[in-house]
Amino acid sequence: MEAITIIGGGIAGLALGAGLDPERFDVTIHEQRPGVPAVETSLAMWPEAQAALAVLGVLPQIREAGATLGGMALRDATGTALMAPEVRGVLGVSRADLIRILDGAVPASVRRVEGRVDRIPATGPLASGLLVGADGVHSVVRRCFWGARSQARLTPYLALRGVLPEPVQADAGGEYWGRGQLFGITPASGGRTYWYASFRSNLGPAGLDAAEALKQAKERFAGSAPAVRKVLELATPDATLAQRVWTTPNLGSFVRPGAVLAGDAAHGMTPNLGRGACEALVDAVTLAELLNARPPEDALKAYNRQRTLKTQLLRLASSAMAGVALTERAQPLRDGLLRLVSR
């Protein structure tokens, strides 16, 4: 059997572990923090991600656990709708449910190793077979195989996310674009509300205190629409995830001799298109299907061809969207153009 070692037991790592043929591969997953996330957040599953989940045989469970997302109004800071594009075929599912369902799909033959991997030694289990970096934007696999120039890049943006037990207020859903700040309100499963916010901040980048980040958010959005202020009044630090936003540079290739990258380790992007988790799933299922059907070298070449260009374009588009949504000086011009386009 061919050895495959997956560093990272998040979305990409679990999906790959679930998709690889257990009759052909001896698979090990290393995960620093196994189990579901402590703070609940929600993820949008676009049709491509749902197709990948269907290949793994877990789409019915995802549909049962999730909620269908409808129209998402684009609003100015006061709550006035600028545009109301129709969103079709998109599911919202909590990250905890997605991790739990993917974890249950991993065959019992896959070995689990708990603990942080800080380096890749030249000899030993991590140096044998194929090594898969599914360990996020700060990937140790990427650093070891792609070098110092592949280090994650810090953006000026802070991102906060959380889930409230109350349903979305009537006519309050959508994204609110202000001057250098963004706020989102969407339905979540079980009649709850998922919210997220982003703005420039000097907090962090490491050891971010959720209470301080939430306090800063309340100050930044004090003049925003009533629905935004209401959500922030109900949000609590223990139910809020606060992180600085990091991205991955253009790597040119996701494959090196003995190693391959998937998910944020390959193409970490800003969250503005809601595609990070989706592309991680597509990466994992694509890689698993190719490895199951072809010799490893051919499979990795095909994976590189199929996934590199598309994900790099999405990474660039997401960064461009962040620039538009969080612009400060050009905010009046942006809003005027959006109203014009809407008419």
Protein backbone atom coordinates (compact mmCIF):
# COMPACT_ATOMS: atom_id res chain seq x y z
CA MET A 1 0.00 0.00 0.00
CA GLU A 2 1.16 3.53 -0.78
CA ALA A 3 1.66 5.84 2.20
CA ILE A 4 -0.11 9.21 2.28
CA THR A 5 0.37 11.51 5.26
CA ILE A 6 -2.06 14.42 5.61
CA ILE A 7 -0.99 17.33 7.80
CA GLY A 8 -4.16 19.05 8.96
CA GLY A 9 -7.47 17.53 9.96
CA GLY A 10 -9.73 20.40 8.93
CA ILE A 11 -12.06 20.54 5.93
CA ALA A 12 -9.48 19.68 3.24
CA GLY A 13 -7.69 17.04 5.30
CA LEU A 14 -10.82 15.19 6.39
CA ALA A 15 -12.38 15.33 2.92
CA LEU A 16 -9.20 13.89 1.40
CA GLY A 17 -9.03 11.19 4.06
CA ALA A 18 -12.65 10.31 3.34
CA GLY A 19 -12.11 10.18 -0.44
CA LEU A 20 -8.91 8.13 -0.72
CA ASP A 21 -9.26 4.42 -1.51
CA PRO A 22 -8.52 2.53 1.75
CA GLU A 23 -7.64 -0.58 -0.27
CA ARG A 24 -4.82 1.25 -2.04
CA PHE A 25 -3.52 3.84 0.41
CA ASP A 26 -2.15 3.72 3.94
CA VAL A 27 -3.42 7.09 5.21
CA THR A 28 -2.46 9.02 8.33
CA ILE A 29 -3.99 12.35 9.40
CA HIS A 30 -2.11 14.64 11.78
CA GLU A 31 -4.32 17.22 13.51
CA GLN A 32 -3.30 19.77 16.11
CA ARG A 33 -6.81 20.28 17.54
CA PRO A 34 -9.13 17.37 16.71
CA GLY A 35 -12.87 17.77 17.15
CA VAL A 36 -15.28 20.55 16.25
CA PRO A 37 -14.37 24.26 16.62
CA ALA A 38 -15.11 25.86 19.98
CA VAL A 39 -16.79 28.89 18.39
CA GLU A 40 -19.52 28.19 15.85
CA THR A 41 -19.47 29.86 12.45
CA SER A 42 -21.28 29.25 9.17
CA LEU A 43 -20.03 28.41 5.67
CA ALA A 44 -21.63 28.83 2.25
CA MET A 45 -21.63 25.66 0.17
CA TRP A 46 -21.78 26.64 -3.52
CA PRO A 47 -22.86 24.05 -6.13
CA GLU A 48 -19.27 22.94 -6.85
CA ALA A 49 -18.72 22.18 -3.17
CA GLN A 50 -22.04 20.34 -2.97
CA ALA A 51 -20.96 18.19 -5.93
CA ALA A 52 -17.77 17.33 -4.04
CA LEU A 53 -19.77 16.45 -0.93
CA ALA A 54 -22.00 14.23 -3.09
CA VAL A 55 -18.92 12.31 -4.28
CA LEU A 56 -18.07 11.65 -0.63
CA GLY A 57 -21.64 10.48 -0.01
CA VAL A 58 -22.40 13.08 2.67
CA LEU A 59 -24.46 15.68 0.79
CA PRO A 60 -27.81 14.46 2.24
CA GLN A 61 -26.43 14.93 5.76
CA ILE A 62 -25.16 18.41 4.90
CA ARG A 63 -28.58 19.36 3.49
CA GLU A 64 -30.28 18.09 6.61
CA ALA A 65 -27.92 20.05 8.87
CA GLY A 66 -27.84 23.24 6.78
CA ALA A 67 -30.16 25.95 5.52
CA THR A 68 -30.85 27.20 2.00
CA LEU A 69 -29.61 30.74 1.38
CA GLY A 70 -31.92 33.02 -0.60
CA GLY A 71 -31.45 36.59 -1.77
CA MET A 72 -28.58 38.57 -0.27
CA ALA A 73 -29.17 42.31 -0.47
CA LEU A 74 -26.14 44.56 -0.81
CA ARG A 75 -26.75 47.58 1.42
CA ASP A 76 -25.07 50.81 2.38
CA ALA A 77 -24.15 51.49 6.01
CA THR A 78 -27.64 52.82 6.82
CA GLY A 79 -29.32 49.62 5.58
CA THR A 80 -30.64 50.98 2.27
CA ALA A 81 -30.52 48.23 -0.34
CA LEU A 82 -28.20 49.06 -3.24
CA MET A 83 -28.67 45.76 -5.06
CA ALA A 84 -30.52 42.52 -4.35
CA PRO A 85 -29.01 39.73 -6.45
CA GLU A 86 -30.76 36.37 -6.33
CA VAL A 87 -28.64 33.60 -4.83
CA ARG A 88 -29.69 30.14 -5.94
CA GLY A 89 -28.52 26.68 -5.02
CA VAL A 90 -26.34 27.73 -2.09
CA LEU A 91 -26.48 26.00 1.29
CA GLY A 92 -25.37 27.47 4.59
CA VAL A 93 -23.91 24.94 7.04
CA SER A 94 -22.11 25.41 10.32
CA ARG A 95 -18.39 24.66 10.29
CA ALA A 96 -18.93 22.37 13.28
CA ASP A 97 -21.52 20.28 11.42
CA LEU A 98 -19.35 20.12 8.30
CA ILE A 99 -16.32 18.95 10.31
CA ARG A 100 -18.42 16.41 12.22
CA ILE A 101 -19.95 14.95 9.05
CA LEU A 102 -16.64 14.78 7.18
CA ASP A 103 -14.97 13.21 10.21
CA GLY A 104 -17.64 10.50 10.26
CA ALA A 105 -16.96 9.74 6.58
CA VAL A 106 -13.26 8.98 7.13
CA PRO A 107 -12.68 5.19 7.08
CA ALA A 108 -11.68 3.51 10.33
CA SER A 109 -8.47 2.33 8.64
CA VAL A 110 -7.13 5.92 8.57
CA ARG A 111 -4.74 6.52 11.45
CA ARG A 112 -5.20 9.67 13.52
CA VAL A 113 -2.28 11.43 15.20
CA GLU A 114 -2.98 14.29 17.58
CA GLY A 115 -0.43 17.05 17.97
CA ARG A 116 1.19 19.98 16.24
CA VAL A 117 3.63 19.39 13.38
CA ASP A 118 6.27 22.14 13.47
CA ARG A 119 8.75 20.74 10.97
CA ILE A 120 9.15 18.04 8.36
CA PRO A 121 12.19 15.85 9.17
CA ALA A 122 14.36 14.37 6.44
CA THR A 123 13.75 10.83 7.68
CA GLY A 124 10.94 8.99 9.43
CA PRO A 125 7.19 8.55 8.76
CA LEU A 126 6.64 12.15 7.61
CA ALA A 127 9.37 11.77 5.00
CA SER A 128 7.99 8.60 3.39
CA GLY A 129 5.30 8.43 0.72
CA LEU A 130 3.26 11.48 -0.30
CA LEU A 131 2.93 14.38 2.14
CA VAL A 132 -0.22 16.51 1.84
CA GLY A 133 -0.24 20.00 3.30
CA ALA A 134 -3.82 20.66 4.36
CA ASP A 135 -2.65 22.68 7.34
CA GLY A 136 -4.04 26.10 6.58
CA VAL A 137 -2.69 29.47 5.58
CA HIS A 138 0.35 29.12 7.90
CA SER A 139 1.19 25.69 6.46
CA VAL A 140 4.38 24.06 7.74
CA VAL A 141 4.40 21.85 4.64
CA ARG A 142 4.38 24.91 2.37
CA ARG A 143 7.14 26.55 4.36
CA CYS A 144 9.35 23.46 4.25
CA PHE A 145 8.86 22.61 0.56
CA TRP A 146 8.18 26.02 -1.02
CA GLY A 147 10.56 28.13 1.07
CA ALA A 148 10.51 31.48 2.83
CA ARG A 149 8.90 33.33 -0.06
CA SER A 150 5.75 31.24 0.41
CA GLN A 151 5.05 32.65 3.88
CA ALA A 152 1.50 33.86 4.52
CA ARG A 153 0.86 37.56 4.03
CA LEU A 154 -0.91 39.69 6.61
CA THR A 155 -3.70 41.96 5.37
CA PRO A 156 -4.77 45.07 7.30
CA TYR A 157 -8.20 43.55 7.95
CA LEU A 158 -9.74 42.08 11.08
CA ALA A 159 -12.55 39.53 10.67
CA LEU A 160 -15.14 38.69 13.32
CA ARG A 161 -17.77 35.95 13.05
CA GLY A 162 -20.42 34.38 15.21
CA VAL A 163 -23.83 32.70 15.41
CA LEU A 164 -26.76 34.07 17.42
CA PRO A 165 -29.70 31.92 18.59
CA GLU A 166 -32.25 34.42 17.24
CA PRO A 167 -33.47 34.36 13.60
CA VAL A 168 -32.52 37.04 11.09
CA GLN A 169 -34.67 40.15 11.42
CA ALA A 170 -37.18 40.64 8.61
CA ASP A 171 -35.63 42.60 5.72
CA ALA A 172 -32.28 42.79 7.52
CA GLY A 173 -30.28 40.10 5.73
CA GLY A 174 -27.39 40.92 3.43
CA GLU A 175 -24.08 42.75 3.44
CA TYR A 176 -23.73 46.31 4.71
CA TRP A 177 -20.87 48.21 3.04
CA GLY A 178 -19.77 51.36 4.82
CA ARG A 179 -16.66 53.49 4.71
CA GLY A 180 -13.86 50.98 5.25
CA GLN A 181 -16.10 48.46 6.97
CA LEU A 182 -18.33 45.53 6.07
CA PHE A 183 -21.02 43.70 8.02
CA GLY A 184 -22.99 40.60 7.00
CA ILE A 185 -26.20 39.07 8.36
CA THR A 186 -27.48 35.76 6.99
CA PRO A 187 -29.77 32.92 8.11
CA ALA A 188 -28.18 29.92 9.83
CA SER A 189 -29.52 26.44 10.44
CA GLY A 190 -32.04 25.98 13.22
CA GLY A 191 -33.59 29.43 12.77
CA ARG A 192 -30.45 31.20 13.97
CA THR A 193 -28.42 34.14 12.62
CA TYR A 194 -24.87 34.08 11.28
CA TRP A 195 -23.06 37.40 11.33
CA TYR A 196 -19.63 38.58 10.23
CA ALA A 197 -17.74 41.84 10.18
CA SER A 198 -14.49 43.16 8.72
CA PHE A 199 -12.55 46.40 8.97
CA ARG A 200 -8.99 47.67 9.24
CA SER A 201 -7.42 47.07 12.62
CA ASN A 202 -4.03 46.96 14.35
CA LEU A 203 -5.12 44.26 16.79
CA GLY A 204 -3.05 41.10 16.82
CA PRO A 205 -2.00 39.53 14.59
CA ALA A 206 -1.48 36.71 17.10
CA GLY A 207 -3.21 36.15 20.44
CA LEU A 208 -6.26 38.19 19.53
CA ASP A 209 -8.64 38.89 22.39
CA ALA A 210 -12.25 38.39 21.24
CA ALA A 211 -13.61 40.82 23.85
CA GLU A 212 -11.30 43.62 22.66
CA ALA A 213 -12.09 42.87 19.00
CA LEU A 214 -15.83 42.92 19.72
CA LYS A 215 -15.48 46.21 21.61
CA GLN A 216 -13.66 47.70 18.63
CA ALA A 217 -16.37 46.42 16.27
CA LYS A 218 -19.13 48.02 18.35
CA GLU A 219 -17.28 51.33 18.19
CA ARG A 220 -16.70 51.08 14.43
CA PHE A 221 -20.33 50.21 13.65
CA ALA A 222 -21.96 52.58 16.18
CA GLY A 223 -23.42 54.69 13.37
CA SER A 224 -24.55 51.77 11.20
CA ALA A 225 -28.03 50.43 10.52
CA PRO A 226 -30.20 49.37 13.52
CA ALA A 227 -29.99 45.69 12.48
CA VAL A 228 -26.19 45.78 12.65
CA ARG A 229 -26.18 47.45 16.05
CA LYS A 230 -28.73 44.94 17.33
CA VAL A 231 -26.59 41.97 16.29
CA LEU A 232 -23.52 43.45 17.98
CA GLU A 233 -25.51 44.10 21.16
CA LEU A 234 -26.38 40.39 21.31
CA ALA A 235 -22.91 39.12 20.38
CA THR A 236 -20.71 37.86 23.23
CA PRO A 237 -16.93 37.30 23.29
CA ASP A 238 -17.22 33.56 24.02
CA ALA A 239 -19.38 33.11 20.90
CA THR A 240 -17.23 35.33 18.65
CA LEU A 241 -14.29 34.25 16.51
CA ALA A 242 -11.86 37.12 15.90
CA GLN A 243 -8.91 36.76 13.53
CA ARG A 244 -6.66 38.91 11.41
CA VAL A 245 -7.00 38.00 7.73
CA TRP A 246 -3.99 36.31 6.12
CA THR A 247 -3.57 35.25 2.50
CA THR A 248 -1.26 32.93 0.58
CA PRO A 249 0.98 34.29 -2.21
CA ASN A 250 0.90 32.93 -5.74
CA LEU A 251 2.88 29.70 -5.55
CA GLY A 252 2.88 28.89 -9.26
CA SER A 253 2.42 25.21 -8.48
CA PHE A 254 0.74 23.23 -5.72
CA VAL A 255 3.09 20.28 -6.20
CA ARG A 256 6.70 19.63 -5.19
CA PRO A 257 8.54 16.28 -5.24
CA GLY A 258 6.98 14.32 -2.39
CA ALA A 259 4.45 17.00 -1.40
CA VAL A 260 1.18 18.59 -2.50
CA LEU A 261 -0.96 21.39 -1.05
CA ALA A 262 -4.74 21.68 -0.66
CA GLY A 263 -7.15 24.24 0.77
CA ASP A 264 -5.87 27.40 2.45
CA ALA A 265 -2.33 26.01 2.47
CA ALA A 266 -2.42 26.31 -1.34
CA HIS A 267 -4.61 29.37 -1.90
CA GLY A 268 -5.61 31.13 1.30
CA MET A 269 -7.81 34.06 0.31
CA THR A 270 -9.82 36.84 1.90
CA PRO A 271 -13.35 35.70 2.82
CA ASN A 272 -15.17 38.18 0.56
CA LEU A 273 -16.36 35.66 -2.04
CA GLY A 274 -17.23 32.97 0.51
CA ARG A 275 -15.22 30.39 -1.45
CA GLY A 276 -12.44 29.27 0.88
CA ALA A 277 -14.16 26.20 2.34
CA CYS A 278 -15.72 25.35 -1.03
CA GLU A 279 -12.40 25.30 -2.85
CA ALA A 280 -10.83 23.25 -0.07
CA LEU A 281 -13.52 20.59 -0.59
CA VAL A 282 -13.08 20.63 -4.36
CA ASP A 283 -9.29 20.38 -3.94
CA ALA A 284 -9.59 17.37 -1.67
CA VAL A 285 -12.11 15.44 -3.74
CA THR A 286 -10.30 16.20 -7.01
CA LEU A 287 -6.99 15.02 -5.53
CA ALA A 288 -8.55 11.88 -4.05
CA GLU A 289 -10.27 10.90 -7.30
CA LEU A 290 -7.09 11.41 -9.33
CA LEU A 291 -4.89 9.47 -6.89
CA ASN A 292 -7.45 6.65 -6.79
CA ALA A 293 -7.47 6.34 -10.58
CA ARG A 294 -3.93 7.17 -11.76
CA PRO A 295 -0.29 6.63 -10.88
CA PRO A 296 0.77 9.23 -8.29
CA GLU A 297 2.97 11.31 -10.62
CA ASP A 298 0.24 11.56 -13.27
CA ALA A 299 -2.38 12.28 -10.62
CA LEU A 300 -0.41 15.17 -9.13
CA LYS A 301 0.25 16.72 -12.55
CA ALA A 302 -3.46 16.54 -13.38
CA TYR A 303 -4.38 18.00 -9.98
CA ASN A 304 -2.02 20.91 -10.59
CA ARG A 305 -3.54 21.58 -14.02
CA GLN A 306 -7.11 21.42 -12.77
CA ARG A 307 -6.81 23.40 -9.56
CA THR A 308 -3.98 25.94 -9.73
CA LEU A 309 -5.27 28.50 -12.22
CA LYS A 310 -8.88 28.53 -11.05
CA THR A 311 -8.06 28.94 -7.37
CA GLN A 312 -5.46 31.65 -8.07
CA LEU A 313 -8.04 33.60 -10.05
CA LEU A 314 -10.51 33.25 -7.17
CA ARG A 315 -7.82 34.38 -4.73
CA LEU A 316 -7.19 37.51 -6.79
CA ALA A 317 -10.90 38.18 -7.27
CA SER A 318 -11.53 37.84 -3.55
CA SER A 319 -8.76 40.34 -2.77
CA ALA A 320 -10.20 42.74 -5.34
CA MET A 321 -13.65 42.38 -3.77
CA ALA A 322 -12.16 43.14 -0.35
CA GLY A 323 -10.62 46.31 -1.76
CA VAL A 324 -13.98 47.46 -3.15
CA ALA A 325 -16.05 46.48 -0.11
CA LEU A 326 -13.64 48.02 2.40
CA THR A 327 -12.62 51.12 0.49
CA GLU A 328 -12.57 54.37 2.44
CA ARG A 329 -11.83 57.31 0.14
CA ALA A 330 -13.80 55.88 -2.80
CA GLN A 331 -16.86 54.83 -0.75
CA PRO A 332 -19.23 57.58 -2.07
CA LEU A 333 -18.24 56.82 -5.67
CA ARG A 334 -18.66 53.08 -5.09
CA ASP A 335 -22.14 53.46 -3.63
CA GLY A 336 -23.18 55.81 -6.43
CA LEU A 337 -22.03 53.32 -9.08
CA LEU A 338 -23.86 50.47 -7.34
CA ARG A 339 -27.09 52.48 -7.29
CA LEU A 340 -26.63 53.27 -10.96
CA VAL A 341 -26.03 49.61 -11.82
CA SER A 342 -29.08 48.60 -9.76
CA ARG A 343 -31.31 51.01 -11.69
